[in-house]
Amino acid sequence: MGYQPLEKGKPKHKKGLWSPEEDNKLRNHILKHGHGCWSSVPIKAGLQRNGKSCRLRWINYLRPGLKRGKFSKQEEETILTLHHMLGNKWSRISQHLPGRTDNEIKNYWHSYLKKRVAKAKEMESHNQIKYASSSSDT
């Protein structure tokens, strides 16, 4: 009843981890020909992936100029300042941090910086209460 047979003639796309060979095929194709229409990239590059998968792999992992590793203090301050001004507009924030992707910035915010901001606000609130109670004692 709920079973649907596989469509014949439709190519099966590979899912999961990318192999170094697949990375090389994608990198070489894009560096030589550009990406053009992402839906045609996997066919032209000889990959069993879909266009979206190729686009995300290129943008987030293979693109030249990507920074890897820890965020610098300057990058953290930039994220904090821009997040205060723009909110969760990760693409707009990433325009001010060359080599960092919107997804990488978003993940860094949620895993580290958001907690730091919350802790700072909590400390500030605690200090205001402490100051208010000590000044009322006099």
Protein backbone atom coordinates (compact mmCIF):
# COMPACT_ATOMS: atom_id res chain seq x y z
CA MET A 1 0.00 0.00 0.00
CA GLY A 2 2.57 2.61 1.09
CA TYR A 3 5.29 1.04 -1.05
CA GLN A 4 6.37 2.96 -4.15
CA PRO A 5 8.69 1.36 -6.70
CA LEU A 6 11.84 3.25 -7.66
CA GLU A 7 11.53 5.32 -10.81
CA LYS A 8 13.46 3.79 -13.68
CA GLY A 9 15.82 5.93 -15.68
CA LYS A 10 16.36 8.46 -12.90
CA PRO A 11 20.04 8.57 -11.86
CA LYS A 12 20.73 7.74 -8.21
CA HIS A 13 22.59 10.48 -6.37
CA LYS A 14 25.23 9.61 -3.83
CA LYS A 15 24.68 10.92 -0.30
CA GLY A 16 26.88 11.14 2.74
CA LEU A 17 30.55 11.95 3.13
CA TRP A 18 32.57 13.26 0.20
CA SER A 19 35.69 11.35 -0.80
CA PRO A 20 38.97 13.13 -1.60
CA GLU A 21 38.51 11.97 -5.21
CA GLU A 22 35.09 13.65 -5.40
CA ASP A 23 36.51 16.84 -3.87
CA ASN A 24 39.27 16.86 -6.49
CA LYS A 25 36.81 16.34 -9.35
CA LEU A 26 34.60 19.18 -8.14
CA ARG A 27 37.52 21.53 -7.41
CA ASN A 28 39.20 20.87 -10.77
CA HIS A 29 35.97 21.31 -12.72
CA ILE A 30 35.02 24.60 -11.07
CA LEU A 31 38.52 26.07 -11.25
CA LYS A 32 38.71 25.21 -14.95
CA HIS A 33 35.13 25.94 -16.09
CA GLY A 34 33.46 27.94 -13.31
CA HIS A 35 30.26 26.72 -11.73
CA GLY A 36 27.64 28.15 -14.09
CA CYS A 37 24.37 26.34 -13.43
CA TRP A 38 24.84 24.22 -10.31
CA SER A 39 22.43 21.53 -11.50
CA SER A 40 24.72 20.78 -14.46
CA VAL A 41 27.98 20.78 -12.45
CA PRO A 42 27.80 17.19 -11.15
CA ILE A 43 27.13 15.81 -14.63
CA LYS A 44 29.95 17.78 -16.25
CA ALA A 45 32.35 17.02 -13.38
CA GLY A 46 31.55 13.30 -13.44
CA LEU A 47 29.99 13.17 -9.97
CA GLN A 48 27.04 11.15 -8.69
CA ARG A 49 25.84 14.09 -6.56
CA ASN A 50 23.08 16.63 -6.98
CA GLY A 51 23.69 20.29 -7.78
CA LYS A 52 22.81 21.54 -4.31
CA SER A 53 25.28 19.15 -2.71
CA CYS A 54 28.02 20.36 -5.07
CA ARG A 55 27.19 24.02 -4.41
CA LEU A 56 27.29 23.57 -0.63
CA ARG A 57 30.51 21.56 -0.77
CA TRP A 58 32.18 24.25 -2.87
CA ILE A 59 30.96 27.22 -0.84
CA ASN A 60 31.53 25.77 2.63
CA TYR A 61 34.64 23.60 2.16
CA LEU A 62 36.51 23.84 -1.14
CA ARG A 63 36.33 27.46 -2.26
CA PRO A 64 39.75 29.14 -2.37
CA GLY A 65 40.28 31.75 0.33
CA LEU A 66 38.26 30.02 3.05
CA LYS A 67 39.66 30.45 6.53
CA ARG A 68 39.88 27.43 8.78
CA GLY A 69 40.50 27.24 12.47
CA LYS A 70 39.81 29.46 15.43
CA PHE A 71 38.15 32.83 15.09
CA SER A 72 40.39 35.74 16.02
CA LYS A 73 39.42 38.23 18.74
CA GLN A 74 38.84 40.81 16.00
CA GLU A 75 36.48 38.42 14.17
CA GLU A 76 34.60 37.75 17.42
CA GLU A 77 34.19 41.48 18.06
CA THR A 78 32.99 42.00 14.49
CA ILE A 79 30.39 39.24 14.87
CA LEU A 80 29.21 40.61 18.22
CA THR A 81 28.90 44.15 16.88
CA LEU A 82 27.17 43.17 13.66
CA HIS A 83 24.84 40.70 15.37
CA HIS A 84 23.77 43.46 17.75
CA MET A 85 23.00 45.68 14.72
CA LEU A 86 21.66 43.10 12.22
CA GLY A 87 20.41 40.17 14.28
CA ASN A 88 20.65 36.72 12.68
CA LYS A 89 21.50 37.99 9.18
CA TRP A 90 24.44 35.61 8.80
CA SER A 91 24.99 36.26 5.08
CA ARG A 92 25.24 40.00 5.69
CA ILE A 93 27.57 39.46 8.64
CA SER A 94 29.78 37.13 6.56
CA GLN A 95 30.32 39.93 4.02
CA HIS A 96 32.41 41.68 6.69
CA LEU A 97 34.51 38.59 7.47
CA PRO A 98 36.40 37.53 4.33
CA GLY A 99 37.04 33.80 4.20
CA ARG A 100 34.30 32.92 6.69
CA THR A 101 31.01 31.41 5.55
CA ASP A 102 27.60 32.42 6.83
CA ASN A 103 27.06 28.88 8.12
CA GLU A 104 30.38 28.84 9.96
CA ILE A 105 29.59 32.19 11.61
CA LYS A 106 26.09 31.03 12.58
CA ASN A 107 27.47 27.84 14.13
CA TYR A 108 30.14 29.79 16.03
CA TRP A 109 27.51 32.19 17.33
CA HIS A 110 25.21 29.43 18.57
CA SER A 111 27.95 27.23 20.04
CA TYR A 112 30.05 29.90 21.73
CA LEU A 113 29.31 33.62 21.40
CA LYS A 114 25.61 33.53 22.31
CA LYS A 115 26.49 31.93 25.65
CA ARG A 116 29.17 34.55 26.25
CA VAL A 117 26.72 37.39 25.59
CA ALA A 118 24.11 35.84 27.89
CA LYS A 119 26.69 35.43 30.65
CA ALA A 120 27.83 39.05 30.27
CA LYS A 121 24.22 40.29 30.49
CA GLU A 122 23.63 38.14 33.57
CA MET A 123 26.76 39.56 35.25
CA GLU A 124 25.73 43.10 34.36
CA SER A 125 22.24 42.55 35.78
CA HIS A 126 23.70 40.99 38.95
CA ASN A 127 26.09 43.93 39.40
CA GLN A 128 23.25 46.46 38.97
CA ILE A 129 21.17 44.68 41.63
CA LYS A 130 24.20 44.49 43.94
CA TYR A 131 24.96 48.21 43.39
CA ALA A 132 21.32 49.20 43.95
CA SER A 133 21.09 47.25 47.21
CA SER A 134 24.42 48.60 48.51
CA SER A 135 23.49 52.22 47.76
CA SER A 136 20.12 51.82 49.50
CA ASP A 137 21.91 50.56 52.64
CA THR A 138 23.58 53.93 53.16
